[in-house]
Amino acid sequence: MCFACRTIASLGIASAILFGCAQEGGQVSQSNFAPHYNGIETILLDGDLVNFRVEMTGARSNQDVADYAACAAAQYALIRGFGFARHLRTNVDNQGGIWRGDAVYTISAALPKGLKTIDAEVTVRDCGAQGIPTV
């Protein structure tokens, strides 16, 4: 993924999706993007540490899967009464066109330290606008 895409993605899911990012093979086609979101599994690991496993088809890249997991994390934070989440890691696997993501986030009431934080309320709103389901 291009440097600009990673930078935009860290600022917000909607920005990366709305503006589209150039990939190494050319431009990402928004018109051909027809994802199917197959589900979210949420596993509470320890207090504020949560694992999200997502599955989808029709993803353009790892970023689409990571965005799906971020949407799940944001909604989960709101459900638990928290306003923020911090991304720790996301592993993505694609086998036979089925994309799976395994992401870990911490959730918190206050804005956590770090570069990969998300405002849960804003992220959930952006996910809804982009048609990405949440928990």
Protein backbone atom coordinates (compact mmCIF):
# COMPACT_ATOMS: atom_id res chain seq x y z
CA MET A 1 0.00 0.00 0.00
CA CYS A 2 1.28 3.46 -0.84
CA PHE A 3 2.61 5.75 1.89
CA ALA A 4 -0.18 8.26 1.31
CA CYS A 5 -2.79 5.52 1.75
CA ARG A 6 -1.36 4.46 5.11
CA THR A 7 -1.26 8.07 6.25
CA ILE A 8 -4.82 8.75 5.17
CA ALA A 9 -6.05 5.47 6.68
CA SER A 10 -4.57 6.40 10.03
CA LEU A 11 -6.56 9.65 9.95
CA GLY A 12 -9.87 7.94 9.28
CA ILE A 13 -11.45 5.12 7.39
CA ALA A 14 -13.77 7.36 5.40
CA SER A 15 -10.93 9.47 4.07
CA ALA A 16 -9.13 6.49 2.60
CA ILE A 17 -12.27 5.10 1.06
CA LEU A 18 -13.62 8.38 -0.29
CA PHE A 19 -10.43 9.53 -1.93
CA GLY A 20 -9.23 6.12 -3.15
CA CYS A 21 -5.53 5.45 -3.09
CA ALA A 22 -3.19 4.56 -5.90
CA GLN A 23 -1.92 1.03 -5.58
CA GLU A 24 1.12 -0.50 -7.18
CA GLY A 25 -0.93 -1.92 -10.06
CA GLY A 26 -2.78 1.34 -10.87
CA GLN A 27 -5.83 3.10 -9.52
CA VAL A 28 -8.30 1.42 -7.20
CA SER A 29 -11.64 1.27 -8.98
CA GLN A 30 -14.48 2.41 -6.75
CA SER A 31 -17.07 1.34 -9.34
CA ASN A 32 -15.96 -2.32 -9.26
CA PHE A 33 -15.88 -2.54 -5.47
CA ALA A 34 -18.66 -4.92 -4.36
CA PRO A 35 -17.72 -6.28 -0.94
CA HIS A 36 -19.69 -8.90 0.96
CA TYR A 37 -19.20 -8.76 4.72
CA ASN A 38 -19.50 -12.27 6.14
CA GLY A 39 -19.36 -11.59 9.85
CA ILE A 40 -17.53 -10.41 12.92
CA GLU A 41 -16.38 -12.45 15.89
CA THR A 42 -15.51 -10.51 19.04
CA ILE A 43 -13.32 -12.02 21.76
CA LEU A 44 -12.63 -10.14 25.00
CA LEU A 45 -9.02 -10.98 25.85
CA ASP A 46 -8.51 -9.00 29.05
CA GLY A 47 -10.45 -6.02 30.38
CA ASP A 48 -9.83 -3.44 27.68
CA LEU A 49 -8.03 -5.73 25.19
CA VAL A 50 -10.30 -7.10 22.45
CA ASN A 51 -9.73 -9.39 19.45
CA PHE A 52 -11.89 -8.93 16.34
CA ARG A 53 -12.03 -11.60 13.64
CA VAL A 54 -13.72 -10.54 10.44
CA GLU A 55 -14.38 -12.26 7.14
CA MET A 56 -15.33 -10.83 3.78
CA THR A 57 -15.22 -11.39 0.04
CA GLY A 58 -14.71 -8.80 -2.66
CA ALA A 59 -11.98 -6.92 -0.82
CA ARG A 60 -9.56 -4.88 -2.92
CA SER A 61 -6.67 -5.17 -0.48
CA ASN A 62 -5.72 -5.81 3.13
CA GLN A 63 -6.91 -2.28 3.93
CA ASP A 64 -10.56 -3.15 3.22
CA VAL A 65 -10.32 -5.98 5.75
CA ALA A 66 -8.56 -3.73 8.28
CA ASP A 67 -11.30 -1.11 7.81
CA TYR A 68 -13.96 -3.73 8.51
CA ALA A 69 -12.17 -4.70 11.75
CA ALA A 70 -11.82 -1.02 12.75
CA CYS A 71 -15.56 -0.56 12.28
CA ALA A 72 -16.19 -3.55 14.53
CA ALA A 73 -13.80 -2.17 17.16
CA ALA A 74 -15.41 1.26 17.12
CA GLN A 75 -18.93 -0.11 17.59
CA TYR A 76 -17.77 -2.48 20.31
CA ALA A 77 -16.16 0.41 22.18
CA LEU A 78 -19.45 2.32 22.08
CA ILE A 79 -21.42 -0.72 23.22
CA ARG A 80 -19.11 -1.06 26.23
CA GLY A 81 -19.51 2.64 27.07
CA PHE A 82 -16.11 3.76 25.79
CA GLY A 83 -15.35 6.48 23.28
CA PHE A 84 -12.00 5.42 21.86
CA ALA A 85 -10.00 2.49 20.58
CA ARG A 86 -6.33 2.04 19.82
CA HIS A 87 -5.18 -0.33 17.09
CA LEU A 88 -2.49 -2.79 18.16
CA ARG A 89 -2.26 -5.11 15.18
CA THR A 90 -4.17 -6.59 12.24
CA ASN A 91 -3.22 -9.77 10.39
CA VAL A 92 -4.93 -10.40 7.07
CA ASP A 93 -5.16 -13.63 5.10
CA ASN A 94 -6.71 -14.21 1.66
CA GLN A 95 -7.42 -17.77 0.59
CA GLY A 96 -9.53 -18.43 -2.47
CA GLY A 97 -11.04 -14.95 -2.42
CA ILE A 98 -12.13 -15.22 1.22
CA TRP A 99 -10.40 -12.48 3.19
CA ARG A 100 -9.98 -12.92 6.95
CA GLY A 101 -8.77 -10.34 9.40
CA ASP A 102 -7.55 -10.89 12.94
CA ALA A 103 -7.24 -7.53 14.72
CA VAL A 104 -6.52 -6.53 18.30
CA TYR A 105 -7.58 -3.21 19.81
CA THR A 106 -7.66 -1.67 23.24
CA ILE A 107 -10.75 0.31 24.17
CA SER A 108 -10.81 3.25 26.54
CA ALA A 109 -12.92 6.11 27.83
CA ALA A 110 -10.19 8.70 27.22
CA LEU A 111 -8.13 9.24 24.09
CA PRO A 112 -5.25 6.77 24.42
CA LYS A 113 -1.66 7.60 23.59
CA GLY A 114 -0.41 6.43 20.24
CA LEU A 115 -0.72 7.14 16.54
CA LYS A 116 -3.34 4.54 15.65
CA THR A 117 -6.26 5.75 17.75
CA ILE A 118 -9.84 6.07 16.63
CA ASP A 119 -12.75 8.13 17.89
CA ALA A 120 -15.42 5.43 18.12
CA GLU A 121 -18.43 7.66 17.47
CA VAL A 122 -16.92 9.30 14.40
CA THR A 123 -15.66 5.98 13.04
CA VAL A 124 -19.02 4.25 13.43
CA ARG A 125 -20.70 7.13 11.59
CA ASP A 126 -18.10 6.93 8.79
CA CYS A 127 -18.50 3.15 8.56
CA GLY A 128 -22.26 3.52 8.18
CA ALA A 129 -21.81 6.12 5.44
CA GLN A 130 -19.52 3.69 3.58
CA GLY A 131 -21.80 0.69 4.07
CA ILE A 132 -19.34 -1.17 6.30
CA PRO A 133 -21.21 -3.10 9.01
CA THR A 134 -20.25 -2.96 12.69
CA VAL A 135 -20.79 -5.38 15.60
